[in-house]
Amino acid sequence: MKAKSGKRWLPLVAAGVMLASTLAGCSGGGKTEESSTSASPSVENVYKEKYDPPVTISTAWGIDPELKFKNGETIENSVATKWAKEQFGIDIKSLWSVTDTNGAFGTKLRLAMSSGQDMPDVLTIGTGDNQIAQDLIDSGMYEEVGPLFDKYASETWKEAMNQDPNVWNAYMRDGKRMGIPVLDYAYNHDYILWIRQDWLDKLGLKAPKTIDELEKVMEAFKNQNPDGLSPDKVVPLSIGFKTSMNTWMGDPSWIFGAYGTLPQQWNVGEDGKLAYGSIQPGMKEGLQKLSEWLQKGYIPQEAALWDENKTAEPAFAGTAGIIPGPYWMSGWPLKDTVKNAPNAVWKPIEIPTGPDGTAMRHGTQFTNGVTLIKKGMEHPEAFFTYQNYLFDNYANPEPGSPYDNGLFEGYDYQLDASGKQVPIDNIDGGYVNSVRYLLVRDGARIPDAQMKALKSLAEGSEPKTKLEKDVAVNYGPETPAAAEVLLAQDDISFKNMFTGPTTDTMKTKLDYLNKMENQMFNEIIYGKKTADAFDEFVSTWKAGGGDQITQEVNDWYDQVKK
């Protein structure tokens, strides 16, 4: 069965210009007609651009272990908390913080929830802790946010959210929006193939467009290596599936996409219902292909033990010919290949098609988490004062505006004597990703803004906007071209369409089903079982709870689909 995209959004290149205007102060965009006209002269409008006296918003922090601090600051007392007090009259009160290693933030949240501790007014939770977010929504501690968003969110924020209305689905309960999706850049972890162009040139080969052509290229890379590497030293295609068949670097899921399915996600089928990709017929052909490639040495013999970072090692070492990964990989890790292979040249190419011209890749969700607002919070509108300002002034600022170069000078950007940005590695006292100090992860992102910036640079324009300058200064040189390659196949990008809470049967059966799936797929790839064992797996999966999960997933989908 070939998956369909369901309700698809317009290609980003064709999307209209965002209604983003940089206004002094907080734009006031959060005040809709209802909130501004319903107040008579004797009734004060609660929404403020700045509160005097200040109001308090409590929160809790899961601190990225890689996040740096400078000038003696902490997450509780930083340039960002001082800015919130001075700019908006908002006092950010930290209930607690924890360095988020080994799921520490989620563990701490669960403990706080179960032990009756005071919970934060505003709580942003990343996608890695999605189940905890779902449990907090179901706990009844947090408010329905839909009416608040409709009343107070600025037009810029609403337009950004409307780029994919499905972003709300994960946090819906009985038609009510219970959490505000944290928006991320579109296509941020969609992947293309990166190929050693210098090897292609020396061999007189062209970039492969089909799976058959890809096999010929991999054969030449391995057995006629232009750098003189012996066949046993070459990794023609660096992929791994230790953690998943559906990931963000070294991803193998496009191989199954060539045969019409994507594993380990829920795709919209021909009948309009959600179907689990790992049990579709195209998986059998994809598993056979991977088994062939393993026997021929085209993929790593240890692929079942390799995670994303491991797949980058042969690329860095100069021994890999191809690696799947995001458009931004020419900056990291591929720019360092020249340290080991001085003549290495990486170029982005499109995902190859299968026998009938089909190509599919795992698509990136437009979200990176959720923000919850506690019931009984004294000033919920103050959160929108804070966040509206970021969407209107920071998410995609006009050239020459206050946040044209970044958020906090001396932290995430620095200018030289001529007023130009210096590379972040050269910032005095070290670069700090200070946007992570904000109440919402990454501050405010408009999904299509990054791709618009990359498209402009790819067309030869000089960098003018904040996003364009950031790409030009800090990303690898092939990044704009890679974005164009990505967008040339925007129609093959398929997001996981099930984003809801864990279903009842998933809670009791999913671990078993996942273990069975991983074991069966590895046994077929490594030749311990024939491809026909896939049919037995499908039957066992369905009978072992899979059919019931499919029903529950579609019950959820019927409630939220638009």
Protein backbone atom coordinates (compact mmCIF):
# COMPACT_ATOMS: atom_id res chain seq x y z
CA MET A 1 0.00 0.00 0.00
CA LYS A 2 1.34 3.37 -0.99
CA ALA A 3 0.80 6.00 1.70
CA LYS A 4 -0.98 9.23 0.95
CA SER A 5 -0.16 12.53 2.52
CA GLY A 6 -3.65 13.27 3.77
CA LYS A 7 -4.29 16.95 4.42
CA ARG A 8 -1.17 18.48 2.94
CA TRP A 9 0.02 22.04 3.37
CA LEU A 10 1.19 24.26 0.55
CA PRO A 11 4.85 23.96 -0.47
CA LEU A 12 6.87 26.41 1.54
CA VAL A 13 8.37 28.03 -1.52
CA ALA A 14 4.89 28.98 -2.67
CA ALA A 15 3.66 30.09 0.74
CA GLY A 16 2.55 33.70 0.97
CA VAL A 17 4.59 36.32 2.69
CA MET A 18 4.00 36.21 6.41
CA LEU A 19 2.04 39.05 7.95
CA ALA A 20 4.95 39.92 10.18
CA SER A 21 5.55 43.55 10.98
CA THR A 22 8.04 44.71 13.53
CA LEU A 23 6.38 47.18 15.82
CA ALA A 24 7.69 49.09 18.78
CA GLY A 25 7.00 47.39 22.07
CA CYS A 26 4.66 44.40 22.05
CA SER A 27 2.68 45.09 18.85
CA GLY A 28 -0.56 44.65 20.78
CA GLY A 29 -1.36 41.97 18.24
CA GLY A 30 -2.56 39.69 20.98
CA LYS A 31 -5.56 41.92 21.59
CA THR A 32 -8.24 40.75 19.23
CA GLU A 33 -11.33 42.77 18.50
CA GLU A 34 -13.13 40.98 21.31
CA SER A 35 -10.53 41.76 23.95
CA SER A 36 -9.99 45.38 22.94
CA THR A 37 -13.57 46.50 22.35
CA SER A 38 -15.31 44.56 25.07
CA ALA A 39 -13.61 46.65 27.72
CA SER A 40 -15.51 49.85 28.51
CA PRO A 41 -13.56 52.92 29.69
CA SER A 42 -14.20 51.83 33.29
CA VAL A 43 -12.96 48.27 32.77
CA GLU A 44 -9.23 47.83 32.54
CA ASN A 45 -7.90 45.61 29.74
CA VAL A 46 -5.86 42.90 31.46
CA TYR A 47 -3.50 42.45 28.49
CA LYS A 48 -0.48 44.74 28.88
CA GLU A 49 2.59 45.49 26.83
CA LYS A 50 4.32 46.07 30.16
CA TYR A 51 3.04 45.34 33.64
CA ASP A 52 3.43 47.87 36.46
CA PRO A 53 3.59 46.65 39.12
CA PRO A 54 5.31 43.52 37.75
CA VAL A 55 3.51 40.19 37.54
CA THR A 56 5.03 36.79 38.22
CA ILE A 57 5.17 33.72 35.97
CA SER A 58 6.50 30.59 37.63
CA THR A 59 8.20 27.86 35.61
CA ALA A 60 10.59 24.90 35.86
CA TRP A 61 13.62 24.19 33.72
CA GLY A 62 15.16 21.13 32.15
CA ILE A 63 18.60 22.45 31.23
CA ASP A 64 20.32 21.06 28.15
CA PRO A 65 23.66 19.69 29.44
CA GLU A 66 25.39 21.45 26.51
CA LEU A 67 23.95 24.87 27.44
CA LYS A 68 26.59 27.31 28.61
CA PHE A 69 26.39 30.25 31.00
CA LYS A 70 28.63 33.30 31.32
CA ASN A 71 29.02 36.38 33.49
CA GLY A 72 28.14 34.37 36.59
CA GLU A 73 24.59 33.74 35.41
CA THR A 74 22.28 30.77 35.96
CA ILE A 75 19.03 29.69 34.31
CA GLU A 76 17.16 31.29 37.23
CA ASN A 77 19.02 34.60 36.96
CA SER A 78 20.16 35.31 33.43
CA VAL A 79 20.22 37.99 30.78
CA ALA A 80 16.83 36.61 29.65
CA THR A 81 15.11 36.84 33.04
CA LYS A 82 16.44 40.38 33.48
CA TRP A 83 15.19 41.25 29.99
CA ALA A 84 11.71 39.93 30.80
CA LYS A 85 11.54 42.10 33.91
CA GLU A 86 12.75 45.24 32.16
CA GLN A 87 10.89 44.76 28.87
CA PHE A 88 7.53 43.46 30.08
CA GLY A 89 7.35 43.83 33.86
CA ILE A 90 7.31 40.02 34.09
CA ASP A 91 9.19 38.36 36.93
CA ILE A 92 10.18 34.81 35.93
CA LYS A 93 10.14 32.70 39.08
CA SER A 94 11.90 29.34 38.94
CA LEU A 95 10.31 26.63 41.08
CA TRP A 96 13.21 24.30 40.29
CA SER A 97 15.71 23.37 37.62
CA VAL A 98 17.58 20.22 36.70
CA THR A 99 20.26 19.35 34.16
CA ASP A 100 18.36 17.20 31.70
CA THR A 101 20.54 14.12 31.39
CA ASN A 102 19.07 10.62 31.20
CA GLY A 103 15.53 11.99 31.28
CA ALA A 104 16.04 13.89 34.54
CA PHE A 105 13.58 16.66 33.65
CA GLY A 106 10.78 14.23 32.91
CA THR A 107 11.51 12.24 36.06
CA LYS A 108 11.42 15.39 38.16
CA LEU A 109 8.12 16.47 36.55
CA ARG A 110 6.53 13.10 37.27
CA LEU A 111 7.65 13.27 40.90
CA ALA A 112 6.29 16.80 41.27
CA MET A 113 2.98 15.79 39.70
CA SER A 114 2.51 12.63 41.78
CA SER A 115 3.61 14.14 45.11
CA GLY A 116 1.35 17.17 44.97
CA GLN A 117 4.12 19.75 44.67
CA ASP A 118 3.35 23.24 43.43
CA MET A 119 3.34 23.07 39.64
CA PRO A 120 4.62 25.82 37.32
CA ASP A 121 2.29 28.42 35.81
CA VAL A 122 3.92 28.00 32.42
CA LEU A 123 5.64 24.75 31.52
CA THR A 124 7.36 23.97 28.22
CA ILE A 125 8.01 20.28 27.57
CA GLY A 126 10.05 18.95 24.63
CA THR A 127 8.96 16.15 22.32
CA GLY A 128 11.21 13.68 24.12
CA ASP A 129 8.96 13.96 27.16
CA ASN A 130 5.71 13.89 25.20
CA GLN A 131 4.09 11.19 27.32
CA ILE A 132 4.61 13.29 30.45
CA ALA A 133 3.02 16.25 28.68
CA GLN A 134 0.06 14.05 27.81
CA ASP A 135 -0.22 12.83 31.40
CA LEU A 136 -0.13 16.42 32.72
CA ILE A 137 -2.92 17.37 30.32
CA ASP A 138 -4.97 14.41 31.56
CA SER A 139 -4.22 15.29 35.21
CA GLY A 140 -6.56 18.29 35.02
CA MET A 141 -3.90 20.61 36.45
CA TYR A 142 -3.51 22.55 33.22
CA GLU A 143 -5.89 24.88 31.43
CA GLU A 144 -7.64 24.64 28.10
CA VAL A 145 -5.46 27.02 26.08
CA GLY A 146 -7.48 27.38 22.88
CA PRO A 147 -9.64 30.33 24.04
CA LEU A 148 -6.57 32.08 25.50
CA PHE A 149 -4.67 31.64 22.25
CA ASP A 150 -7.57 32.89 20.16
CA LYS A 151 -8.00 35.96 22.38
CA TYR A 152 -4.41 37.00 23.03
CA ALA A 153 -2.03 35.54 20.43
CA SER A 154 -0.71 38.01 17.86
CA GLU A 155 -1.52 37.71 14.17
CA THR A 156 2.11 36.77 13.44
CA TRP A 157 1.90 33.85 15.87
CA LYS A 158 -1.50 32.75 14.56
CA GLU A 159 -0.30 32.86 10.94
CA ALA A 160 2.72 30.76 11.91
CA MET A 161 0.50 28.21 13.66
CA ASN A 162 -1.82 28.04 10.64
CA GLN A 163 0.98 26.85 8.35
CA ASP A 164 0.02 23.37 9.55
CA PRO A 165 -3.23 23.25 11.56
CA ASN A 166 -2.42 19.62 12.44
CA VAL A 167 0.13 20.86 15.00
CA TRP A 168 -2.69 21.11 17.55
CA ASN A 169 -3.72 17.46 17.13
CA ALA A 170 -1.30 16.05 19.68
CA TYR A 171 -2.78 18.15 22.46
CA MET A 172 -6.51 17.90 21.72
CA ARG A 173 -9.05 16.48 24.14
CA ASP A 174 -12.69 16.24 23.06
CA GLY A 175 -12.20 19.05 20.57
CA LYS A 176 -10.43 21.29 23.10
CA ARG A 177 -6.88 22.58 22.60
CA MET A 178 -5.08 21.80 25.87
CA GLY A 179 -1.49 22.72 25.03
CA ILE A 180 0.14 25.33 22.79
CA PRO A 181 2.43 23.62 20.24
CA VAL A 182 6.03 24.86 20.25
CA LEU A 183 6.69 25.61 16.60
CA ASP A 184 9.88 24.50 14.87
CA TYR A 185 11.37 25.13 11.44
CA ALA A 186 9.83 23.11 8.65
CA TYR A 187 11.94 20.31 7.17
CA ASN A 188 14.48 20.70 9.98
CA HIS A 189 15.14 16.96 10.12
CA ASP A 190 13.87 15.90 6.73
CA TYR A 191 16.78 14.26 4.98
CA ILE A 192 18.42 14.12 1.59
CA LEU A 193 21.46 12.10 0.53
CA TRP A 194 24.95 13.57 0.83
CA ILE A 195 27.39 12.03 -1.66
CA ARG A 196 31.13 12.27 -2.27
CA GLN A 197 31.08 14.29 -5.48
CA ASP A 198 34.85 13.98 -5.85
CA TRP A 199 34.47 10.19 -6.00
CA LEU A 200 31.71 10.48 -8.61
CA ASP A 201 33.85 12.80 -10.72
CA LYS A 202 36.91 10.56 -10.61
CA LEU A 203 34.80 7.57 -11.60
CA GLY A 204 33.00 9.46 -14.35
CA LEU A 205 29.63 8.77 -12.73
CA LYS A 206 26.53 10.90 -12.30
CA ALA A 207 24.49 11.25 -9.13
CA PRO A 208 22.09 8.29 -8.89
CA LYS A 209 18.40 9.03 -9.39
CA THR A 210 17.04 5.51 -8.90
CA ILE A 211 17.73 2.61 -6.56
CA ASP A 212 19.28 0.68 -9.48
CA GLU A 213 21.64 3.56 -10.28
CA LEU A 214 22.47 3.88 -6.58
CA GLU A 215 23.56 0.24 -6.48
CA LYS A 216 25.97 0.81 -9.38
CA VAL A 217 27.46 3.84 -7.64
CA MET A 218 27.89 1.94 -4.35
CA GLU A 219 29.56 -0.94 -6.18
CA ALA A 220 32.04 1.45 -7.78
CA PHE A 221 32.71 3.32 -4.54
CA LYS A 222 33.54 0.05 -2.81
CA ASN A 223 35.45 -1.92 -5.41
CA GLN A 224 36.98 0.83 -7.58
CA ASN A 225 37.54 3.38 -4.86
CA PRO A 226 39.02 6.59 -6.30
CA ASP A 227 41.02 7.29 -3.13
CA GLY A 228 42.61 3.84 -3.33
CA LEU A 229 40.82 2.53 -0.23
CA SER A 230 40.55 -1.24 -0.06
CA PRO A 231 36.97 -2.56 -0.31
CA ASP A 232 36.90 -3.59 3.35
CA LYS A 233 37.66 0.02 4.38
CA VAL A 234 34.82 1.64 2.42
CA VAL A 235 31.28 2.24 3.66
CA PRO A 236 29.39 3.06 0.44
CA LEU A 237 26.19 3.96 2.32
CA SER A 238 26.48 4.87 6.00
CA ILE A 239 23.21 4.00 7.71
CA GLY A 240 22.28 2.58 11.10
CA PHE A 241 19.16 1.29 12.80
CA LYS A 242 20.15 0.63 16.40
CA THR A 243 17.44 2.88 17.80
CA SER A 244 15.01 3.16 14.90
CA MET A 245 14.37 2.55 11.21
CA ASN A 246 13.05 6.10 11.16
CA THR A 247 15.46 8.71 12.47
CA TRP A 248 17.30 11.92 11.50
CA MET A 249 20.80 10.96 10.31
CA GLY A 250 21.98 7.72 8.73
CA ASP A 251 18.27 7.01 8.25
CA PRO A 252 17.27 3.91 6.21
CA SER A 253 13.52 4.61 5.98
CA TRP A 254 13.71 6.10 2.45
CA ILE A 255 14.79 2.67 1.19
CA PHE A 256 11.37 1.38 2.19
CA GLY A 257 9.89 4.59 0.79
CA ALA A 258 11.07 3.49 -2.64
CA TYR A 259 8.60 0.61 -2.28
CA GLY A 260 5.70 2.69 -0.99
CA THR A 261 5.84 2.77 2.81
CA LEU A 262 7.67 4.34 5.74
CA PRO A 263 8.40 2.18 8.80
CA GLN A 264 7.63 2.96 12.41
CA GLN A 265 5.16 5.72 11.70
CA TRP A 266 1.47 6.02 10.89
CA ASN A 267 0.72 7.01 7.32
CA VAL A 268 -2.56 7.94 5.62
CA GLY A 269 -3.63 5.02 3.42
CA GLU A 270 -5.64 5.00 0.21
CA ASP A 271 -8.83 4.63 2.26
CA GLY A 272 -8.06 7.77 4.27
CA LYS A 273 -7.38 5.83 7.45
CA LEU A 274 -4.09 5.65 9.33
CA ALA A 275 -2.03 2.52 8.71
CA TYR A 276 1.15 1.43 10.45
CA GLY A 277 3.99 1.63 7.94
CA SER A 278 6.00 -1.30 9.26
CA ILE A 279 3.39 -3.89 8.29
CA GLN A 280 2.80 -2.74 4.70
CA PRO A 281 3.87 -4.93 1.73
CA GLY A 282 6.63 -2.52 0.68
CA MET A 283 8.50 -3.35 3.88
CA LYS A 284 9.18 -6.87 2.62
CA GLU A 285 10.87 -5.56 -0.53
CA GLY A 286 12.85 -3.01 1.45
CA LEU A 287 14.09 -5.63 3.90
CA GLN A 288 15.17 -7.84 1.00
CA LYS A 289 17.08 -4.93 -0.50
CA LEU A 290 18.86 -4.14 2.76
CA SER A 291 19.79 -7.80 3.14
CA GLU A 292 21.31 -7.79 -0.37
CA TRP A 293 23.24 -4.59 0.38
CA LEU A 294 24.56 -6.00 3.63
CA GLN A 295 25.86 -9.13 1.86
CA LYS A 296 27.56 -6.99 -0.78
CA GLY A 297 29.11 -4.71 1.83
CA TYR A 298 27.25 -1.60 0.68
CA ILE A 299 26.02 -0.82 4.21
CA PRO A 300 27.90 -1.31 7.51
CA GLN A 301 28.03 -4.85 8.84
CA GLU A 302 27.33 -3.31 12.26
CA ALA A 303 24.33 -1.26 11.07
CA ALA A 304 22.06 -2.86 13.67
CA LEU A 305 24.40 -1.51 16.38
CA TRP A 306 24.94 1.96 14.89
CA ASP A 307 23.01 5.01 16.10
CA GLU A 308 22.87 8.38 14.34
CA ASN A 309 26.19 9.69 15.62
CA LYS A 310 27.98 6.44 14.76
CA THR A 311 26.89 6.74 11.12
CA ALA A 312 28.69 10.10 10.96
CA GLU A 313 32.07 8.57 11.89
CA PRO A 314 32.97 7.05 8.49
CA ALA A 315 31.74 10.23 6.79
CA PHE A 316 34.10 12.27 8.96
CA ALA A 317 36.90 9.74 8.44
CA GLY A 318 36.60 10.02 4.65
CA THR A 319 35.66 6.37 4.17
CA ALA A 320 31.93 6.78 3.49
CA GLY A 321 30.54 7.54 0.06
CA ILE A 322 26.95 8.44 0.93
CA ILE A 323 25.10 9.38 4.12
CA PRO A 324 21.44 10.36 4.53
CA GLY A 325 20.90 13.44 6.65
CA PRO A 326 19.45 16.94 7.00
CA TYR A 327 20.13 19.88 4.69
CA TRP A 328 22.40 21.50 7.30
CA MET A 329 24.93 18.64 7.44
CA SER A 330 27.53 20.39 5.30
CA GLY A 331 28.25 22.43 8.43
CA TRP A 332 28.37 19.48 10.82
CA PRO A 333 29.76 16.89 10.57
CA LEU A 334 30.71 16.92 6.88
CA LYS A 335 32.85 20.05 6.82
CA ASP A 336 35.44 18.20 8.93
CA THR A 337 35.91 15.36 6.41
CA VAL A 338 38.73 17.34 4.75
CA LYS A 339 40.83 16.85 7.89
CA ASN A 340 41.10 13.17 6.95
CA ALA A 341 40.44 13.33 3.18
CA PRO A 342 41.75 16.71 1.95
CA ASN A 343 40.11 16.40 -1.48
CA ALA A 344 36.68 15.41 -0.19
CA VAL A 345 33.71 17.26 -1.68
CA TRP A 346 30.22 16.52 -0.38
CA LYS A 347 27.18 17.42 -2.47
CA PRO A 348 23.46 17.03 -1.74
CA ILE A 349 21.32 14.87 -4.03
CA GLU A 350 17.67 13.86 -4.14
CA ILE A 351 16.26 10.68 -2.63
CA PRO A 352 16.37 7.92 -5.31
CA THR A 353 13.14 6.45 -6.62
CA GLY A 354 12.06 2.82 -6.62
CA PRO A 355 11.01 0.53 -9.49
CA ASP A 356 7.75 2.39 -10.14
CA GLY A 357 9.15 5.89 -9.61
CA THR A 358 8.06 6.13 -5.98
CA ALA A 359 10.07 7.99 -3.33
CA MET A 360 9.10 8.76 0.26
CA ARG A 361 10.95 10.20 3.21
CA HIS A 362 10.12 10.70 6.87
CA GLY A 363 8.86 14.27 7.28
CA THR A 364 9.62 16.65 10.10
CA GLN A 365 6.81 17.76 12.37
CA PHE A 366 6.39 21.53 12.65
CA THR A 367 6.60 21.23 16.43
CA ASN A 368 9.27 20.66 19.03
CA GLY A 369 7.17 20.33 22.16
CA VAL A 370 4.28 21.98 23.97
CA THR A 371 3.62 24.79 26.43
CA LEU A 372 1.04 24.22 29.18
CA ILE A 373 -0.67 26.91 31.27
CA LYS A 374 -1.76 26.02 34.80
CA LYS A 375 -5.36 26.36 35.88
CA GLY A 376 -5.81 29.33 38.15
CA MET A 377 -2.73 31.17 36.89
CA GLU A 378 -3.29 34.78 37.93
CA HIS A 379 -2.12 36.43 34.71
CA PRO A 380 -2.20 33.93 31.82
CA GLU A 381 -2.35 36.83 29.36
CA ALA A 382 1.15 37.87 30.49
CA PHE A 383 2.59 34.79 28.80
CA PHE A 384 1.15 36.06 25.52
CA THR A 385 2.68 39.51 26.12
CA TYR A 386 6.04 37.74 26.32
CA GLN A 387 5.56 35.33 23.43
CA ASN A 388 3.79 37.74 21.07
CA TYR A 389 6.75 40.05 21.31
CA LEU A 390 9.12 37.27 20.32
CA PHE A 391 7.01 36.26 17.33
CA ASP A 392 6.55 39.85 16.17
CA ASN A 393 10.10 41.06 16.75
CA TYR A 394 12.51 38.12 16.96
CA ALA A 395 11.19 35.18 14.92
CA ASN A 396 11.88 36.84 11.56
CA PRO A 397 12.98 40.45 12.20
CA GLU A 398 13.26 43.08 9.52
CA PRO A 399 16.79 44.26 8.57
CA GLY A 400 17.87 47.04 10.88
CA SER A 401 15.45 46.13 13.67
CA PRO A 402 16.63 45.55 17.28
CA TYR A 403 16.91 41.76 16.92
CA ASP A 404 18.32 41.83 13.42
CA ASN A 405 21.49 40.01 14.51
CA GLY A 406 20.28 37.91 17.39
CA LEU A 407 18.79 38.02 20.84
CA PHE A 408 21.47 39.21 23.24
CA GLU A 409 24.69 40.81 22.03
CA GLY A 410 27.76 39.18 23.51
CA TYR A 411 25.84 35.96 24.03
CA ASP A 412 24.45 34.60 20.77
CA TYR A 413 26.01 37.20 18.47
CA GLN A 414 28.75 39.82 18.31
CA LEU A 415 29.48 42.55 15.77
CA ASP A 416 32.90 43.60 14.53
CA ALA A 417 34.05 47.19 14.12
CA SER A 418 32.26 47.49 10.79
CA GLY A 419 28.97 46.25 12.23
CA LYS A 420 29.12 42.77 10.68
CA GLN A 421 28.53 39.55 12.58
CA VAL A 422 31.60 37.61 13.65
CA PRO A 423 31.43 33.81 13.52
CA ILE A 424 29.94 32.49 16.72
CA ASP A 425 33.20 30.70 17.54
CA ASN A 426 34.85 34.11 17.84
CA ILE A 427 32.45 35.72 20.32
CA ASP A 428 34.33 37.19 23.29
CA GLY A 429 33.99 34.91 26.30
CA GLY A 430 32.36 32.23 24.16
CA TYR A 431 29.07 31.72 22.33
CA VAL A 432 25.98 31.08 24.41
CA ASN A 433 22.77 29.77 22.92
CA SER A 434 20.84 32.24 25.04
CA VAL A 435 17.55 31.62 23.24
CA ARG A 436 17.43 28.48 25.39
CA TYR A 437 17.16 30.75 28.43
CA LEU A 438 13.63 31.73 27.34
CA LEU A 439 10.32 30.37 28.61
CA VAL A 440 9.72 28.56 25.32
CA ARG A 441 12.38 26.42 23.68
CA ASP A 442 14.13 28.35 20.87
CA GLY A 443 12.04 31.43 21.60
CA ALA A 444 9.77 31.72 18.59
CA ARG A 445 10.06 30.02 15.22
CA ILE A 446 7.97 30.57 12.10
CA PRO A 447 8.04 27.21 10.28
CA ASP A 448 8.71 28.44 6.74
CA ALA A 449 11.06 31.30 7.66
CA GLN A 450 14.27 29.25 7.57
CA MET A 451 13.56 27.79 4.15
CA LYS A 452 12.68 31.21 2.74
CA ALA A 453 16.05 32.49 3.94
CA LEU A 454 17.87 29.54 2.40
CA LYS A 455 16.01 29.92 -0.89
CA SER A 456 17.01 33.58 -1.06
CA LEU A 457 20.68 32.71 -0.53
CA ALA A 458 20.50 29.86 -3.06
CA GLU A 459 19.27 32.36 -5.64
CA GLY A 460 22.40 34.44 -5.08
CA SER A 461 21.02 37.19 -2.87
CA GLU A 462 23.29 38.85 -0.33
CA PRO A 463 22.34 37.96 3.26
CA LYS A 464 20.20 40.73 4.71
CA THR A 465 17.83 39.29 7.30
CA LYS A 466 18.77 37.73 10.64
CA LEU A 467 18.10 34.20 9.38
CA GLU A 468 20.02 34.78 6.14
CA LYS A 469 23.02 36.18 8.01
CA ASP A 470 22.96 33.32 10.50
CA VAL A 471 23.06 30.75 7.69
CA ALA A 472 25.75 32.62 5.76
CA VAL A 473 28.03 33.04 8.78
CA ASN A 474 27.53 29.84 10.72
CA TYR A 475 26.29 27.10 8.36
CA GLY A 476 28.21 25.03 5.84
CA PRO A 477 28.62 26.45 2.32
CA GLU A 478 26.39 23.81 0.70
CA THR A 479 23.43 24.51 2.99
CA PRO A 480 21.40 26.76 0.61
CA ALA A 481 21.92 24.33 -2.28
CA ALA A 482 20.91 21.44 -0.04
CA ALA A 483 17.71 23.27 0.87
CA GLU A 484 16.89 23.60 -2.83
CA VAL A 485 17.44 19.85 -3.32
CA LEU A 486 15.16 19.21 -0.36
CA LEU A 487 12.40 21.47 -1.64
CA ALA A 488 12.60 19.92 -5.11
CA GLN A 489 11.11 16.82 -3.46
CA ASP A 490 8.78 18.51 -0.99
CA ASP A 491 5.95 16.24 -2.13
CA ILE A 492 7.70 13.07 -0.89
CA SER A 493 7.82 14.29 2.72
CA PHE A 494 5.38 12.40 4.96
CA LYS A 495 4.97 13.18 8.64
CA ASN A 496 3.93 10.62 11.22
CA MET A 497 0.20 11.29 11.34
CA PHE A 498 -0.40 9.82 14.79
CA THR A 499 0.67 12.39 17.37
CA GLY A 500 -1.86 11.65 20.09
CA PRO A 501 -1.44 10.22 23.57
CA THR A 502 -0.51 6.59 24.10
CA THR A 503 -3.59 4.45 23.56
CA ASP A 504 -4.81 1.89 26.10
CA THR A 505 -3.54 -1.08 24.10
CA MET A 506 -0.23 0.63 23.39
CA LYS A 507 0.36 0.84 27.14
CA THR A 508 0.18 -2.95 27.50
CA LYS A 509 1.24 -4.29 24.09
CA LEU A 510 3.47 -1.79 22.29
CA ASP A 511 6.77 -2.73 23.94
CA TYR A 512 6.23 -6.36 22.99
CA LEU A 513 5.24 -5.47 19.43
CA ASN A 514 8.22 -3.15 18.97
CA LYS A 515 10.69 -5.74 20.24
CA MET A 516 9.21 -8.36 17.94
CA GLU A 517 9.39 -5.95 15.00
CA ASN A 518 13.03 -5.00 15.59
CA GLN A 519 14.08 -8.62 16.06
CA MET A 520 12.29 -9.83 12.94
CA PHE A 521 13.62 -7.01 10.75
CA ASN A 522 17.21 -7.61 11.91
CA GLU A 523 16.92 -11.35 11.34
CA ILE A 524 15.71 -10.80 7.77
CA ILE A 525 18.39 -8.19 7.01
CA TYR A 526 21.16 -10.37 8.45
CA GLY A 527 19.95 -13.47 6.60
CA LYS A 528 18.87 -15.47 9.62
CA LYS A 529 15.37 -15.65 8.16
CA THR A 530 14.02 -15.31 4.65
CA ALA A 531 11.93 -12.36 3.56
CA ASP A 532 8.83 -14.59 3.77
CA ALA A 533 9.13 -14.39 7.56
CA PHE A 534 7.77 -10.88 7.18
CA ASP A 535 4.32 -12.26 6.38
CA GLU A 536 4.34 -14.26 9.62
CA PHE A 537 5.40 -11.13 11.51
CA VAL A 538 2.47 -9.14 10.11
CA SER A 539 -0.02 -11.80 11.20
CA THR A 540 1.50 -12.01 14.67
CA TRP A 541 1.59 -8.21 14.98
CA LYS A 542 -2.10 -7.90 14.09
CA ALA A 543 -3.20 -10.67 16.44
CA GLY A 544 -0.91 -9.53 19.25
CA GLY A 545 -2.60 -6.17 19.72
CA GLY A 546 -1.76 -4.39 16.49
CA ASP A 547 -5.29 -4.49 15.09
CA GLN A 548 -6.67 -3.05 18.32
CA ILE A 549 -4.01 -0.32 18.33
CA THR A 550 -4.89 0.50 14.73
CA GLN A 551 -8.53 0.89 15.72
CA GLU A 552 -7.62 3.15 18.66
CA VAL A 553 -5.30 5.25 16.52
CA ASN A 554 -8.04 5.79 13.96
CA ASP A 555 -10.60 6.59 16.64
CA TRP A 556 -8.25 9.40 17.72
CA TYR A 557 -7.63 10.46 14.12
CA ASP A 558 -11.35 10.67 13.40
CA GLN A 559 -11.69 13.17 16.25
CA VAL A 560 -8.88 15.49 15.19
CA LYS A 561 -8.55 15.34 11.41
CA LYS A 562 -9.66 18.40 9.49
